Amino acid sequence: MKEEKVKSFYQQAFCRNVGLISSEEQEQLRNVKVAIAGMGGVGGLHLLTLARLGVGGFHIADEDRFEIVNFNRQVGATVSSIGKSKVETMQRLALDINPYLKITPFPAINRQNIDAFLDGVDVAIDGLDFFNIEARRLFFKKAKEKNIYALTAGPIGFGAAFLVFAPDGMSFDEYFDIDDQMDYLDKIVAFAVGLTPKGFHLNYMDLGSVSLRRGKGPSSFIACELCSAFVGMEVLNIVLKRKRPKAVPHYIQFDPFVKRYKKGYLLGGNRHPIQRFKRWVIKKFLI
């Protein structure tokens, strides 16, 4: 009887998805599990977007609490959530969409819990803070080891940059040209340049507002929403096997402010001579 009630709720709640996806595909989504590392600007939106698509299971992780400075871009940041756990707040919001979701919360991902965090998931999504490079490297390394597609979407300016990492493709460190011998700032610069091969945001962003040393830069909810759209669509493609994703060194960037979209192929990833030159310039002028 309980299962019938759950199924009836699910069918009613997500019936308006049908027509874009089939009834059979919708039922598939009910049994999909997605891991999302980070519940802030992009991670929180990824969770709610996928919950509304009908994805039935999640592993979510974040150790932070909401602050007033999160209000401009984080969907869970409200007056009533100030000082509250991001994971607990976002879990509650997702359960308000689908009370039958299976959500397992984790603290910040680390070497001790990363295997459990990725255990049994169909897709892994990076929603970590832009400057949390070591946790991000661990996340992508383990996803590849476990044969899981891993996605990252960066809110850059008013736009979004989107990358897919396939189990049988380039690794995170290979694409971004990062290794253990590099210092923290070199790694951050490499991540920034590899994420955005086309610097659309440079046409209007005040670079004086960016501090790589202090881990600070401008942000926009518009960009975060675009990121969740890219991620939501690619999760559907992967789990429903509609299209084989174009993994790195393929990349996608879209910026609605400058009205530009680019779908490209970055030969060699960040090892490309032009990319290495960009890294040198950014390190010289922003650090």
C-alpha atoms as a PDB file:
ATOM      1  CA  MET A   1       0.000   0.000   0.000  1.00  0.00           C
ATOM      2  CA  LYS A   2       2.808   2.405   0.867  1.00  0.00           C
ATOM      3  CA  GLU A   3       4.582   1.718  -2.429  1.00  0.00           C
ATOM      4  CA  GLU A   4       1.361   2.419  -4.326  1.00  0.00           C
ATOM      5  CA  LYS A   5       1.028   5.744  -2.494  1.00  0.00           C
ATOM      6  CA  VAL A   6       4.618   6.666  -3.288  1.00  0.00           C
ATOM      7  CA  LYS A   7       4.210   5.737  -6.944  1.00  0.00           C
ATOM      8  CA  SER A   8       0.945   7.674  -7.234  1.00  0.00           C
ATOM      9  CA  PHE A   9       2.556  10.793  -5.767  1.00  0.00           C
ATOM     10  CA  TYR A  10       5.550  10.479  -8.069  1.00  0.00           C
ATOM     11  CA  GLN A  11       3.428  10.079 -11.184  1.00  0.00           C
ATOM     12  CA  GLN A  12       1.314  13.136 -10.336  1.00  0.00           C
ATOM     13  CA  ALA A  13       4.239  15.308  -9.275  1.00  0.00           C
ATOM     14  CA  PHE A  14       6.286  14.731 -12.415  1.00  0.00           C
ATOM     15  CA  CYS A  15       3.663  14.003 -15.072  1.00  0.00           C
ATOM     16  CA  ARG A  16       4.322  17.355 -16.768  1.00  0.00           C
ATOM     17  CA  ASN A  17       7.828  16.164 -17.642  1.00  0.00           C
ATOM     18  CA  VAL A  18       6.253  13.520 -19.878  1.00  0.00           C
ATOM     19  CA  GLY A  19       6.266  14.605 -23.495  1.00  0.00           C
ATOM     20  CA  LEU A  20       9.835  15.831 -23.144  1.00  0.00           C
ATOM     21  CA  ILE A  21      10.778  12.455 -21.741  1.00  0.00           C
ATOM     22  CA  SER A  22       8.701   9.269 -21.886  1.00  0.00           C
ATOM     23  CA  SER A  23       6.770   7.723 -18.988  1.00  0.00           C
ATOM     24  CA  GLU A  24       9.304   4.896 -18.985  1.00  0.00           C
ATOM     25  CA  GLU A  25      12.216   7.327 -18.797  1.00  0.00           C
ATOM     26  CA  GLN A  26      10.518   9.197 -15.966  1.00  0.00           C
ATOM     27  CA  GLU A  27      10.276   5.954 -14.018  1.00  0.00           C
ATOM     28  CA  GLN A  28      13.976   5.367 -14.687  1.00  0.00           C
ATOM     29  CA  LEU A  29      14.796   8.701 -13.099  1.00  0.00           C
ATOM     30  CA  ARG A  30      13.015   7.644  -9.942  1.00  0.00           C
ATOM     31  CA  ASN A  31      15.718   5.007  -9.448  1.00  0.00           C
ATOM     32  CA  VAL A  32      18.701   7.231 -10.307  1.00  0.00           C
ATOM     33  CA  LYS A  33      21.142   8.365  -7.623  1.00  0.00           C
ATOM     34  CA  VAL A  34      23.294  11.479  -8.056  1.00  0.00           C
ATOM     35  CA  ALA A  35      26.157  12.714  -5.863  1.00  0.00           C
ATOM     36  CA  ILE A  36      26.507  16.499  -5.516  1.00  0.00           C
ATOM     37  CA  ALA A  37      29.563  17.871  -3.720  1.00  0.00           C
ATOM     38  CA  GLY A  38      28.691  21.348  -2.437  1.00  0.00           C
ATOM     39  CA  MET A  39      25.297  22.881  -1.632  1.00  0.00           C
ATOM     40  CA  GLY A  40      26.083  26.529  -2.313  1.00  0.00           C
ATOM     41  CA  GLY A  41      25.605  28.658  -5.420  1.00  0.00           C
ATOM     42  CA  VAL A  42      25.530  25.932  -8.047  1.00  0.00           C
ATOM     43  CA  GLY A  43      25.246  22.779  -5.927  1.00  0.00           C
ATOM     44  CA  GLY A  44      21.989  23.798  -4.266  1.00  0.00           C
ATOM     45  CA  LEU A  45      20.413  24.608  -7.622  1.00  0.00           C
ATOM     46  CA  HIS A  46      21.645  21.321  -9.072  1.00  0.00           C
ATOM     47  CA  LEU A  47      19.867  19.476  -6.269  1.00  0.00           C
ATOM     48  CA  LEU A  48      16.538  21.272  -6.737  1.00  0.00           C
ATOM     49  CA  THR A  49      16.698  21.084 -10.542  1.00  0.00           C
ATOM     50  CA  LEU A  50      17.282  17.330 -10.478  1.00  0.00           C
ATOM     51  CA  ALA A  51      14.659  16.819  -7.775  1.00  0.00           C
ATOM     52  CA  ARG A  52      12.092  18.563 -10.013  1.00  0.00           C
ATOM     53  CA  LEU A  53      13.144  16.369 -12.927  1.00  0.00           C
ATOM     54  CA  GLY A  54      12.242  13.380 -10.759  1.00  0.00           C
ATOM     55  CA  VAL A  55      15.666  12.017  -9.814  1.00  0.00           C
ATOM     56  CA  GLY A  56      14.950   9.846  -6.792  1.00  0.00           C
ATOM     57  CA  GLY A  57      18.211   9.598  -4.850  1.00  0.00           C
ATOM     58  CA  PHE A  58      21.043  11.863  -3.782  1.00  0.00           C
ATOM     59  CA  HIS A  59      24.257  11.981  -1.828  1.00  0.00           C
ATOM     60  CA  ILE A  60      24.925  15.620  -0.873  1.00  0.00           C
ATOM     61  CA  ALA A  61      27.868  17.175   0.936  1.00  0.00           C
ATOM     62  CA  ASP A  62      28.813  20.553   2.415  1.00  0.00           C
ATOM     63  CA  GLU A  63      30.252  21.578   5.776  1.00  0.00           C
ATOM     64  CA  ASP A  64      29.319  25.276   5.591  1.00  0.00           C
ATOM     65  CA  ARG A  65      26.460  27.319   7.005  1.00  0.00           C
ATOM     66  CA  PHE A  66      24.529  30.045   5.226  1.00  0.00           C
ATOM     67  CA  GLU A  67      25.593  33.675   5.647  1.00  0.00           C
ATOM     68  CA  ILE A  68      24.207  37.004   4.454  1.00  0.00           C
ATOM     69  CA  VAL A  69      26.972  37.231   1.842  1.00  0.00           C
ATOM     70  CA  ASN A  70      25.432  34.157   0.172  1.00  0.00           C
ATOM     71  CA  PHE A  71      22.136  35.939  -0.590  1.00  0.00           C
ATOM     72  CA  ASN A  72      23.037  37.121  -4.096  1.00  0.00           C
ATOM     73  CA  ARG A  73      23.579  33.651  -5.570  1.00  0.00           C
ATOM     74  CA  GLN A  74      22.666  30.716  -3.305  1.00  0.00           C
ATOM     75  CA  VAL A  75      19.129  29.396  -3.581  1.00  0.00           C
ATOM     76  CA  GLY A  76      19.034  28.186   0.032  1.00  0.00           C
ATOM     77  CA  ALA A  77      20.276  31.483   1.479  1.00  0.00           C
ATOM     78  CA  THR A  78      17.383  33.329   3.160  1.00  0.00           C
ATOM     79  CA  VAL A  79      16.873  35.275   6.349  1.00  0.00           C
ATOM     80  CA  SER A  80      15.475  32.142   7.992  1.00  0.00           C
ATOM     81  CA  SER A  81      18.500  30.026   7.000  1.00  0.00           C
ATOM     82  CA  ILE A  82      21.262  32.348   8.287  1.00  0.00           C
ATOM     83  CA  GLY A  83      23.634  30.311  10.420  1.00  0.00           C
ATOM     84  CA  LYS A  84      22.010  27.022   9.435  1.00  0.00           C
ATOM     85  CA  SER A  85      23.693  24.045   7.785  1.00  0.00           C
ATOM     86  CA  LYS A  86      23.630  24.189   3.996  1.00  0.00           C
ATOM     87  CA  VAL A  87      23.234  20.427   3.733  1.00  0.00           C
ATOM     88  CA  GLU A  88      20.316  20.300   6.185  1.00  0.00           C
ATOM     89  CA  THR A  89      18.617  23.334   4.608  1.00  0.00           C
ATOM     90  CA  MET A  90      18.899  22.025   1.061  1.00  0.00           C
ATOM     91  CA  GLN A  91      17.845  18.544   2.091  1.00  0.00           C
ATOM     92  CA  ARG A  92      14.685  20.040   3.599  1.00  0.00           C
ATOM     93  CA  LEU A  93      13.941  22.059   0.452  1.00  0.00           C
ATOM     94  CA  ALA A  94      14.406  19.004  -1.772  1.00  0.00           C
ATOM     95  CA  LEU A  95      12.124  16.923   0.451  1.00  0.00           C
ATOM     96  CA  ASP A  96       9.489  19.641   0.136  1.00  0.00           C
ATOM     97  CA  ILE A  97       9.512  18.904  -3.601  1.00  0.00           C
ATOM     98  CA  ASN A  98       9.507  15.128  -3.205  1.00  0.00           C
ATOM     99  CA  PRO A  99       9.025  13.810   0.348  1.00  0.00           C
ATOM    100  CA  TYR A 100      10.002  10.321  -0.805  1.00  0.00           C
ATOM    101  CA  LEU A 101      13.488  11.258  -1.947  1.00  0.00           C
ATOM    102  CA  LYS A 102      16.334   9.137  -0.656  1.00  0.00           C
ATOM    103  CA  ILE A 103      18.944  11.671   0.441  1.00  0.00           C
ATOM    104  CA  THR A 104      22.106  10.847   2.350  1.00  0.00           C
ATOM    105  CA  PRO A 105      23.908  13.927   3.744  1.00  0.00           C
ATOM    106  CA  PHE A 106      27.673  14.041   4.181  1.00  0.00           C
ATOM    107  CA  PRO A 107      30.006  16.632   5.702  1.00  0.00           C
ATOM    108  CA  ALA A 108      32.775  18.056   3.521  1.00  0.00           C
ATOM    109  CA  ILE A 109      34.134  15.336   1.260  1.00  0.00           C
ATOM    110  CA  ASN A 110      37.551  14.014   2.238  1.00  0.00           C
ATOM    111  CA  ARG A 111      39.761  10.971   1.792  1.00  0.00           C
ATOM    112  CA  GLN A 112      37.926   9.148   4.575  1.00  0.00           C
ATOM    113  CA  ASN A 113      34.392   9.455   3.139  1.00  0.00           C
ATOM    114  CA  ILE A 114      34.819   9.960  -0.623  1.00  0.00           C
ATOM    115  CA  ASP A 115      34.323   6.263  -1.418  1.00  0.00           C
ATOM    116  CA  ALA A 116      31.054   6.160   0.527  1.00  0.00           C
ATOM    117  CA  PHE A 117      29.975   9.471  -1.035  1.00  0.00           C
ATOM    118  CA  LEU A 118      30.340   8.054  -4.551  1.00  0.00           C
ATOM    119  CA  ASP A 119      29.162   4.546  -3.747  1.00  0.00           C
ATOM    120  CA  GLY A 120      26.303   3.415  -5.981  1.00  0.00           C
ATOM    121  CA  VAL A 121      25.779   6.758  -7.735  1.00  0.00           C
ATOM    122  CA  ASP A 122      25.047   7.128 -11.445  1.00  0.00           C
ATOM    123  CA  VAL A 123      26.527  10.614 -11.968  1.00  0.00           C
ATOM    124  CA  ALA A 124      28.780  12.833  -9.844  1.00  0.00           C
ATOM    125  CA  ILE A 125      28.416  16.620  -9.894  1.00  0.00           C
ATOM    126  CA  ASP A 126      30.947  19.188  -8.744  1.00  0.00           C
ATOM    127  CA  GLY A 127      29.334  22.032  -6.801  1.00  0.00           C
ATOM    128  CA  LEU A 128      32.382  22.821  -4.678  1.00  0.00           C
ATOM    129  CA  ASP A 129      33.578  26.329  -3.956  1.00  0.00           C
ATOM    130  CA  PHE A 130      35.664  27.629  -6.851  1.00  0.00           C
ATOM    131  CA  PHE A 131      38.805  27.879  -4.703  1.00  0.00           C
ATOM    132  CA  ASN A 132      38.563  24.413  -3.107  1.00  0.00           C
ATOM    133  CA  ILE A 133      40.957  22.846  -5.573  1.00  0.00           C
ATOM    134  CA  GLU A 134      42.246  19.861  -3.568  1.00  0.00           C
ATOM    135  CA  ALA A 135      38.773  18.571  -2.690  1.00  0.00           C
ATOM    136  CA  ARG A 136      37.856  19.003  -6.353  1.00  0.00           C
ATOM    137  CA  ARG A 137      40.888  16.989  -7.511  1.00  0.00           C
ATOM    138  CA  LEU A 138      40.002  14.198  -5.075  1.00  0.00           C
ATOM    139  CA  PHE A 139      36.360  14.231  -6.218  1.00  0.00           C
ATOM    140  CA  PHE A 140      37.201  13.832  -9.913  1.00  0.00           C
ATOM    141  CA  LYS A 141      39.966  11.305  -9.314  1.00  0.00           C
ATOM    142  CA  LYS A 142      37.673   9.006  -7.358  1.00  0.00           C
ATOM    143  CA  ALA A 143      34.791   9.397  -9.818  1.00  0.00           C
ATOM    144  CA  LYS A 144      37.079   8.253 -12.636  1.00  0.00           C
ATOM    145  CA  GLU A 145      38.319   5.307 -10.566  1.00  0.00           C
ATOM    146  CA  LYS A 146      34.705   4.263  -9.939  1.00  0.00           C
ATOM    147  CA  ASN A 147      33.779   4.565 -13.624  1.00  0.00           C
ATOM    148  CA  ILE A 148      31.354   7.444 -13.032  1.00  0.00           C
ATOM    149  CA  TYR A 149      30.717  10.429 -15.282  1.00  0.00           C
ATOM    150  CA  ALA A 150      31.615  13.642 -13.422  1.00  0.00           C
ATOM    151  CA  LEU A 151      30.326  17.095 -14.383  1.00  0.00           C
ATOM    152  CA  THR A 152      31.370  20.619 -13.494  1.00  0.00           C
ATOM    153  CA  ALA A 153      29.635  23.879 -14.382  1.00  0.00           C
ATOM    154  CA  GLY A 154      31.274  27.144 -13.398  1.00  0.00           C
ATOM    155  CA  PRO A 155      29.292  30.368 -12.933  1.00  0.00           C
ATOM    156  CA  ILE A 156      31.596  32.893 -14.592  1.00  0.00           C
ATOM    157  CA  GLY A 157      30.386  36.482 -14.794  1.00  0.00           C
ATOM    158  CA  PHE A 158      26.814  36.294 -16.066  1.00  0.00           C
ATOM    159  CA  GLY A 159      27.554  33.098 -17.954  1.00  0.00           C
ATOM    160  CA  ALA A 160      28.327  29.434 -17.493  1.00  0.00           C
ATOM    161  CA  ALA A 161      31.224  27.180 -18.443  1.00  0.00           C
ATOM    162  CA  PHE A 162      30.504  23.464 -18.655  1.00  0.00           C
ATOM    163  CA  LEU A 163      32.781  20.411 -18.769  1.00  0.00           C
ATOM    164  CA  VAL A 164      32.151  16.663 -18.749  1.00  0.00           C
ATOM    165  CA  PHE A 165      34.725  14.155 -17.515  1.00  0.00           C
ATOM    166  CA  ALA A 166      34.173  10.631 -18.846  1.00  0.00           C
ATOM    167  CA  PRO A 167      35.480   7.498 -17.111  1.00  0.00           C
ATOM    168  CA  ASP A 168      37.409   6.557 -20.265  1.00  0.00           C
ATOM    169  CA  GLY A 169      38.592  10.081 -21.116  1.00  0.00           C
ATOM    170  CA  MET A 170      41.081  12.660 -19.875  1.00  0.00           C
ATOM    171  CA  SER A 171      41.337  12.991 -16.108  1.00  0.00           C
ATOM    172  CA  PHE A 172      40.776  16.256 -14.243  1.00  0.00           C
ATOM    173  CA  ASP A 173      44.498  16.714 -13.622  1.00  0.00           C
ATOM    174  CA  GLU A 174      45.352  15.870 -17.236  1.00  0.00           C
ATOM    175  CA  TYR A 175      42.864  18.323 -18.712  1.00  0.00           C
ATOM    176  CA  PHE A 176      43.764  21.186 -16.357  1.00  0.00           C
ATOM    177  CA  ASP A 177      47.504  20.340 -16.429  1.00  0.00           C
ATOM    178  CA  ILE A 178      47.725  20.197 -12.621  1.00  0.00           C
ATOM    179  CA  ASP A 179      50.066  18.130 -10.473  1.00  0.00           C
ATOM    180  CA  ASP A 180      51.083  17.793  -6.831  1.00  0.00           C
ATOM    181  CA  GLN A 181      54.277  19.824  -7.285  1.00  0.00           C
ATOM    182  CA  MET A 182      52.386  23.025  -8.198  1.00  0.00           C
ATOM    183  CA  ASP A 183      51.581  25.560  -5.508  1.00  0.00           C
ATOM    184  CA  TYR A 184      48.012  26.504  -4.626  1.00  0.00           C
ATOM    185  CA  LEU A 185      47.838  29.667  -6.735  1.00  0.00           C
ATOM    186  CA  ASP A 186      49.220  27.937  -9.825  1.00  0.00           C
ATOM    187  CA  LYS A 187      46.525  25.279  -9.454  1.00  0.00           C
ATOM    188  CA  ILE A 188      43.755  27.891  -9.109  1.00  0.00           C
ATOM    189  CA  VAL A 189      44.983  29.773 -12.167  1.00  0.00           C
ATOM    190  CA  ALA A 190      45.128  26.531 -14.163  1.00  0.00           C
ATOM    191  CA  PHE A 191      41.567  25.672 -13.093  1.00  0.00           C
ATOM    192  CA  ALA A 192      40.247  29.128 -14.012  1.00  0.00           C
ATOM    193  CA  VAL A 193      41.872  29.167 -17.454  1.00  0.00           C
ATOM    194  CA  GLY A 194      40.920  25.584 -18.316  1.00  0.00           C
ATOM    195  CA  LEU A 195      37.328  26.131 -17.233  1.00  0.00           C
ATOM    196  CA  THR A 196      36.890  29.172 -19.496  1.00  0.00           C
ATOM    197  CA  PRO A 197      38.894  28.820 -22.730  1.00  0.00           C
ATOM    198  CA  LYS A 198      36.795  31.701 -24.105  1.00  0.00           C
ATOM    199  CA  GLY A 199      36.957  34.626 -21.687  1.00  0.00           C
ATOM    200  CA  PHE A 200      33.584  36.172 -22.513  1.00  0.00           C
ATOM    201  CA  HIS A 201      33.381  37.664 -19.010  1.00  0.00           C
ATOM    202  CA  LEU A 202      36.571  39.660 -19.542  1.00  0.00           C
ATOM    203  CA  ASN A 203      34.575  42.114 -21.683  1.00  0.00           C
ATOM    204  CA  TYR A 204      32.722  43.474 -18.661  1.00  0.00           C
ATOM    205  CA  MET A 205      34.071  42.076 -15.377  1.00  0.00           C
ATOM    206  CA  ASP A 206      36.039  44.402 -13.114  1.00  0.00           C
ATOM    207  CA  LEU A 207      39.169  42.332 -12.537  1.00  0.00           C
ATOM    208  CA  GLY A 208      40.010  44.552  -9.585  1.00  0.00           C
ATOM    209  CA  SER A 209      37.212  42.768  -7.718  1.00  0.00           C
ATOM    210  CA  VAL A 210      39.028  39.435  -8.090  1.00  0.00           C
ATOM    211  CA  SER A 211      41.539  38.248  -5.502  1.00  0.00           C
ATOM    212  CA  LEU A 212      42.935  34.758  -6.029  1.00  0.00           C
ATOM    213  CA  ARG A 213      44.923  34.950  -2.806  1.00  0.00           C
ATOM    214  CA  ARG A 214      41.845  35.743  -0.697  1.00  0.00           C
ATOM    215  CA  GLY A 215      39.541  33.455  -2.649  1.00  0.00           C
ATOM    216  CA  LYS A 216      37.222  36.265  -3.651  1.00  0.00           C
ATOM    217  CA  GLY A 217      35.441  37.246  -6.863  1.00  0.00           C
ATOM    218  CA  PRO A 218      32.115  38.583  -8.181  1.00  0.00           C
ATOM    219  CA  SER A 219      29.201  36.202  -8.658  1.00  0.00           C
ATOM    220  CA  SER A 220      25.672  36.140 -10.065  1.00  0.00           C
ATOM    221  CA  PHE A 221      22.545  34.055  -9.538  1.00  0.00           C
ATOM    222  CA  ILE A 222      21.940  34.339 -13.283  1.00  0.00           C
ATOM    223  CA  ALA A 223      25.142  32.381 -13.895  1.00  0.00           C
ATOM    224  CA  CYS A 224      24.266  29.780 -11.256  1.00  0.00           C
ATOM    225  CA  GLU A 225      20.884  29.164 -12.881  1.00  0.00           C
ATOM    226  CA  LEU A 226      22.539  28.644 -16.264  1.00  0.00           C
ATOM    227  CA  CYS A 227      24.929  26.128 -14.700  1.00  0.00           C
ATOM    228  CA  SER A 228      22.049  24.072 -13.298  1.00  0.00           C
ATOM    229  CA  ALA A 229      20.406  23.993 -16.739  1.00  0.00           C
ATOM    230  CA  PHE A 230      23.562  22.588 -18.350  1.00  0.00           C
ATOM    231  CA  VAL A 231      23.999  20.014 -15.586  1.00  0.00           C
ATOM    232  CA  GLY A 232      20.349  18.947 -15.490  1.00  0.00           C
ATOM    233  CA  MET A 233      20.273  18.363 -19.236  1.00  0.00           C
ATOM    234  CA  GLU A 234      23.513  16.371 -19.237  1.00  0.00           C
ATOM    235  CA  VAL A 235      22.379  14.183 -16.342  1.00  0.00           C
ATOM    236  CA  LEU A 236      19.306  13.278 -18.403  1.00  0.00           C
ATOM    237  CA  ASN A 237      21.483  12.515 -21.427  1.00  0.00           C
ATOM    238  CA  ILE A 238      23.747  10.249 -19.396  1.00  0.00           C
ATOM    239  CA  VAL A 239      21.284   8.264 -17.292  1.00  0.00           C
ATOM    240  CA  LEU A 240      18.650   7.934 -20.030  1.00  0.00           C
ATOM    241  CA  LYS A 241      21.364   7.164 -22.618  1.00  0.00           C
ATOM    242  CA  ARG A 242      19.982   9.728 -25.061  1.00  0.00           C
ATOM    243  CA  LYS A 243      23.334  11.040 -26.252  1.00  0.00           C
ATOM    244  CA  ARG A 244      26.933  10.152 -25.554  1.00  0.00           C
ATOM    245  CA  PRO A 245      28.396  13.171 -23.780  1.00  0.00           C
ATOM    246  CA  LYS A 246      31.214  15.097 -25.408  1.00  0.00           C
ATOM    247  CA  ALA A 247      33.826  14.941 -22.694  1.00  0.00           C
ATOM    248  CA  VAL A 248      36.939  17.075 -22.234  1.00  0.00           C
ATOM    249  CA  PRO A 249      38.807  18.410 -24.079  1.00  0.00           C
ATOM    250  CA  HIS A 250      35.398  19.426 -25.470  1.00  0.00           C
ATOM    251  CA  TYR A 251      33.926  22.400 -23.629  1.00  0.00           C
ATOM    252  CA  ILE A 252      30.846  24.630 -23.681  1.00  0.00           C
ATOM    253  CA  GLN A 253      30.509  28.278 -22.699  1.00  0.00           C
ATOM    254  CA  PHE A 254      27.507  30.574 -22.844  1.00  0.00           C
ATOM    255  CA  ASP A 255      27.205  34.189 -21.720  1.00  0.00           C
ATOM    256  CA  PRO A 256      23.791  35.876 -22.097  1.00  0.00           C
ATOM    257  CA  PHE A 257      25.221  39.338 -21.435  1.00  0.00           C
ATOM    258  CA  VAL A 258      27.473  39.342 -24.498  1.00  0.00           C
ATOM    259  CA  LYS A 259      25.071  37.002 -26.352  1.00  0.00           C
ATOM    260  CA  ARG A 260      27.781  34.508 -27.157  1.00  0.00           C
ATOM    261  CA  TYR A 261      27.832  30.711 -27.159  1.00  0.00           C
ATOM    262  CA  LYS A 262      30.849  28.541 -27.877  1.00  0.00           C
ATOM    263  CA  LYS A 263      31.083  24.773 -28.187  1.00  0.00           C
ATOM    264  CA  GLY A 264      34.719  23.934 -28.735  1.00  0.00           C
ATOM    265  CA  TYR A 265      37.548  21.426 -28.563  1.00  0.00           C
ATOM    266  CA  LEU A 266      40.672  22.397 -26.638  1.00  0.00           C
ATOM    267  CA  LEU A 267      43.435  20.267 -28.134  1.00  0.00           C
ATOM    268  CA  GLY A 268      45.655  19.014 -25.315  1.00  0.00           C
ATOM    269  CA  GLY A 269      43.545  20.747 -22.693  1.00  0.00           C
ATOM    270  CA  ASN A 270      45.461  23.263 -20.617  1.00  0.00           C
ATOM    271  CA  ARG A 271      48.733  22.056 -22.131  1.00  0.00           C
ATOM    272  CA  HIS A 272      47.861  23.926 -25.313  1.00  0.00           C
ATOM    273  CA  PRO A 273      50.431  26.737 -25.834  1.00  0.00           C
ATOM    274  CA  ILE A 274      47.752  29.438 -25.870  1.00  0.00           C
ATOM    275  CA  GLN A 275      46.357  28.165 -22.573  1.00  0.00           C
ATOM    276  CA  ARG A 276      49.803  28.169 -20.997  1.00  0.00           C
ATOM    277  CA  PHE A 277      50.319  31.735 -22.165  1.00  0.00           C
ATOM    278  CA  LYS A 278      46.977  32.751 -20.614  1.00  0.00           C
ATOM    279  CA  ARG A 279      48.033  31.178 -17.329  1.00  0.00           C
ATOM    280  CA  TRP A 280      51.273  33.170 -17.371  1.00  0.00           C
ATOM    281  CA  VAL A 281      49.388  36.418 -18.024  1.00  0.00           C
ATOM    282  CA  ILE A 282      46.820  35.827 -15.290  1.00  0.00           C
ATOM    283  CA  LYS A 283      49.455  34.879 -12.760  1.00  0.00           C
ATOM    284  CA  LYS A 284      51.442  38.004 -13.635  1.00  0.00           C
ATOM    285  CA  PHE A 285      48.532  40.458 -13.372  1.00  0.00           C
ATOM    286  CA  LEU A 286      46.130  38.954 -10.823  1.00  0.00           C
ATOM    287  CA  ILE A 287      48.476  37.507  -8.211  1.00  0.00           C
END
